[in-house]
Amino acid sequence: MYEVPFDATNLASGTYVYVLKTEKFQLERKMIFLK
């Protein structure tokens, strides 16, 4: 399992899209961030 630091200090609440990529794979997902 891997972890990626995520600093949302300067982000507003809302819906964001994140992408995880490797040479053979790409995954896109939505994330709802609420402060």
N, C-alpha and C. Protein backbone atom coordinates (compact mmCIF):
# COMPACT_ATOMS: atom_id res chain seq x y z
N MET A 1 0.84 -1.17 0.00
CA MET A 1 0.00 0.00 0.00
C MET A 1 0.89 1.24 0.00
N TYR A 2 0.46 2.26 -0.73
CA TYR A 2 1.19 3.51 -0.81
C TYR A 2 0.35 4.64 -0.23
N GLU A 3 1.02 5.67 0.23
CA GLU A 3 0.34 6.86 0.71
C GLU A 3 0.89 8.08 -0.01
N VAL A 4 0.02 9.04 -0.27
CA VAL A 4 0.42 10.29 -0.90
C VAL A 4 -0.01 11.43 0.01
N PRO A 5 0.92 12.27 0.43
CA PRO A 5 0.53 13.41 1.27
C PRO A 5 -0.43 14.33 0.51
N PHE A 6 -1.41 14.85 1.22
CA PHE A 6 -2.41 15.72 0.60
C PHE A 6 -2.64 16.90 1.52
N ASP A 7 -2.19 18.06 1.10
CA ASP A 7 -2.34 19.28 1.90
C ASP A 7 -3.46 20.12 1.29
N ALA A 8 -4.59 20.15 1.96
CA ALA A 8 -5.76 20.88 1.45
C ALA A 8 -5.95 22.21 2.14
N THR A 9 -4.90 22.73 2.74
CA THR A 9 -5.00 23.98 3.49
C THR A 9 -5.58 25.11 2.65
N ASN A 10 -5.15 25.23 1.41
CA ASN A 10 -5.57 26.35 0.56
C ASN A 10 -6.70 25.99 -0.41
N LEU A 11 -7.32 24.84 -0.23
CA LEU A 11 -8.40 24.44 -1.11
C LEU A 11 -9.75 24.78 -0.49
N ALA A 12 -10.67 25.18 -1.34
CA ALA A 12 -12.04 25.42 -0.89
C ALA A 12 -12.80 24.10 -0.89
N SER A 13 -13.89 24.06 -0.14
CA SER A 13 -14.77 22.88 -0.19
C SER A 13 -15.28 22.73 -1.61
N GLY A 14 -15.44 21.49 -2.05
CA GLY A 14 -15.95 21.26 -3.39
C GLY A 14 -15.62 19.87 -3.88
N THR A 15 -15.89 19.64 -5.15
CA THR A 15 -15.61 18.35 -5.79
C THR A 15 -14.33 18.49 -6.60
N TYR A 16 -13.43 17.56 -6.40
CA TYR A 16 -12.15 17.54 -7.10
C TYR A 16 -11.98 16.20 -7.80
N VAL A 17 -11.22 16.18 -8.87
CA VAL A 17 -10.90 14.95 -9.59
C VAL A 17 -9.43 14.65 -9.35
N TYR A 18 -9.14 13.41 -8.98
CA TYR A 18 -7.74 13.01 -8.84
C TYR A 18 -7.44 11.89 -9.82
N VAL A 19 -6.18 11.82 -10.24
CA VAL A 19 -5.75 10.83 -11.23
C VAL A 19 -4.53 10.11 -10.68
N LEU A 20 -4.58 8.79 -10.72
CA LEU A 20 -3.43 7.96 -10.37
C LEU A 20 -2.95 7.30 -11.66
N LYS A 21 -1.66 7.46 -11.98
CA LYS A 21 -1.13 6.93 -13.23
C LYS A 21 0.10 6.08 -13.00
N THR A 22 0.20 4.99 -13.76
CA THR A 22 1.42 4.21 -13.87
C THR A 22 1.68 4.03 -15.37
N GLU A 23 2.70 3.29 -15.71
CA GLU A 23 2.98 3.06 -17.13
C GLU A 23 1.85 2.29 -17.81
N LYS A 24 1.15 1.42 -17.05
CA LYS A 24 0.15 0.54 -17.65
C LYS A 24 -1.27 0.80 -17.17
N PHE A 25 -1.46 1.79 -16.33
CA PHE A 25 -2.76 1.94 -15.68
C PHE A 25 -3.05 3.40 -15.39
N GLN A 26 -4.31 3.78 -15.51
CA GLN A 26 -4.74 5.13 -15.12
C GLN A 26 -6.11 5.03 -14.46
N LEU A 27 -6.25 5.68 -13.31
CA LEU A 27 -7.49 5.66 -12.54
C LEU A 27 -7.89 7.10 -12.25
N GLU A 28 -9.12 7.46 -12.59
CA GLU A 28 -9.65 8.79 -12.30
C GLU A 28 -10.86 8.64 -11.38
N ARG A 29 -10.88 9.43 -10.32
CA ARG A 29 -11.99 9.39 -9.38
C ARG A 29 -12.32 10.80 -8.90
N LYS A 30 -13.56 10.98 -8.46
CA LYS A 30 -13.98 12.25 -7.87
C LYS A 30 -13.84 12.16 -6.36
N MET A 31 -13.50 13.30 -5.76
CA MET A 31 -13.37 13.38 -4.32
C MET A 31 -14.15 14.61 -3.86
N ILE A 32 -14.99 14.45 -2.85
CA ILE A 32 -15.71 15.58 -2.27
C ILE A 32 -14.96 16.01 -1.03
N PHE A 33 -14.56 17.28 -1.01
CA PHE A 33 -13.78 17.82 0.10
C PHE A 33 -14.62 18.85 0.83
N LEU A 34 -14.83 18.64 2.12
CA LEU A 34 -15.62 19.56 2.94
C LEU A 34 -14.78 20.08 4.08
N LYS A 35 -14.82 21.39 4.31
CA LYS A 35 -14.08 21.99 5.43
C LYS A 35 -15.02 22.23 6.57
